[in-house]
Amino acid sequence: YLVAENLVLWARSEPIGYAVNLLQSGAE
């Protein structure tokens, strides 16, 4: 889904997205 991909790209460019990425990595 294009919108989902755009959200991922946007999140990666945001500090919050970076924090969420760390949380997801820790959850796994």
N, C-alpha and C. Protein backbone atom coordinates (compact mmCIF):
# COMPACT_ATOMS: atom_id res chain seq x y z
N TYR A 1 0.87 -1.21 0.00
CA TYR A 1 0.00 0.00 0.00
C TYR A 1 0.89 1.23 0.00
N LEU A 2 0.69 2.09 -1.00
CA LEU A 2 1.56 3.25 -1.17
C LEU A 2 1.55 4.15 0.05
N VAL A 3 0.37 4.43 0.58
CA VAL A 3 0.29 5.34 1.74
C VAL A 3 1.10 4.80 2.90
N ALA A 4 1.02 3.49 3.11
CA ALA A 4 1.77 2.88 4.21
C ALA A 4 3.27 3.08 4.00
N GLU A 5 3.71 2.91 2.76
CA GLU A 5 5.14 3.08 2.48
C GLU A 5 5.56 4.52 2.73
N ASN A 6 4.69 5.46 2.34
CA ASN A 6 5.00 6.87 2.55
C ASN A 6 5.07 7.18 4.04
N LEU A 7 4.19 6.55 4.82
CA LEU A 7 4.20 6.77 6.27
C LEU A 7 5.51 6.26 6.85
N VAL A 8 5.97 5.11 6.36
CA VAL A 8 7.23 4.55 6.86
C VAL A 8 8.38 5.48 6.55
N LEU A 9 8.41 5.99 5.31
CA LEU A 9 9.49 6.90 4.92
C LEU A 9 9.43 8.17 5.76
N TRP A 10 8.21 8.65 6.01
CA TRP A 10 8.07 9.88 6.81
C TRP A 10 8.50 9.62 8.24
N ALA A 11 8.08 8.47 8.78
CA ALA A 11 8.41 8.14 10.17
C ALA A 11 9.92 8.04 10.35
N ARG A 12 10.59 7.48 9.34
CA ARG A 12 12.04 7.31 9.44
C ARG A 12 12.74 8.65 9.51
N SER A 13 12.13 9.69 8.94
CA SER A 13 12.75 11.01 8.92
C SER A 13 12.39 11.80 10.17
N GLU A 14 11.56 11.21 11.02
CA GLU A 14 11.14 11.91 12.24
C GLU A 14 11.74 11.24 13.47
N PRO A 15 12.12 12.04 14.47
CA PRO A 15 12.67 11.48 15.72
C PRO A 15 11.71 10.49 16.35
N ILE A 16 10.41 10.78 16.28
CA ILE A 16 9.43 9.87 16.87
C ILE A 16 9.46 8.53 16.15
N GLY A 17 9.58 8.58 14.84
CA GLY A 17 9.65 7.35 14.06
C GLY A 17 10.88 6.54 14.45
N TYR A 18 11.96 7.25 14.73
CA TYR A 18 13.19 6.57 15.13
C TYR A 18 12.99 5.88 16.48
N ALA A 19 12.30 6.57 17.38
CA ALA A 19 12.04 6.00 18.71
C ALA A 19 11.13 4.79 18.58
N VAL A 20 10.11 4.90 17.73
CA VAL A 20 9.19 3.77 17.53
C VAL A 20 9.95 2.59 16.95
N ASN A 21 10.89 2.87 16.05
CA ASN A 21 11.69 1.80 15.45
C ASN A 21 12.47 1.06 16.54
N LEU A 22 13.03 1.81 17.48
CA LEU A 22 13.79 1.19 18.56
C LEU A 22 12.87 0.35 19.44
N LEU A 23 11.66 0.87 19.69
CA LEU A 23 10.70 0.13 20.53
C LEU A 23 10.30 -1.17 19.85
N GLN A 24 10.06 -1.11 18.54
CA GLN A 24 9.67 -2.31 17.80
C GLN A 24 10.81 -3.32 17.82
N SER A 25 12.04 -2.85 17.66
CA SER A 25 13.19 -3.75 17.67
C SER A 25 13.33 -4.39 19.05
N GLY A 26 13.07 -3.63 20.09
CA GLY A 26 13.17 -4.16 21.45
C GLY A 26 12.05 -5.14 21.74
N ALA A 27 10.88 -4.90 21.14
CA ALA A 27 9.74 -5.78 21.38
C ALA A 27 9.98 -7.15 20.76
N GLU A 28 10.71 -7.18 19.65
CA GLU A 28 11.00 -8.44 18.98
C GLU A 28 12.11 -9.16 19.75
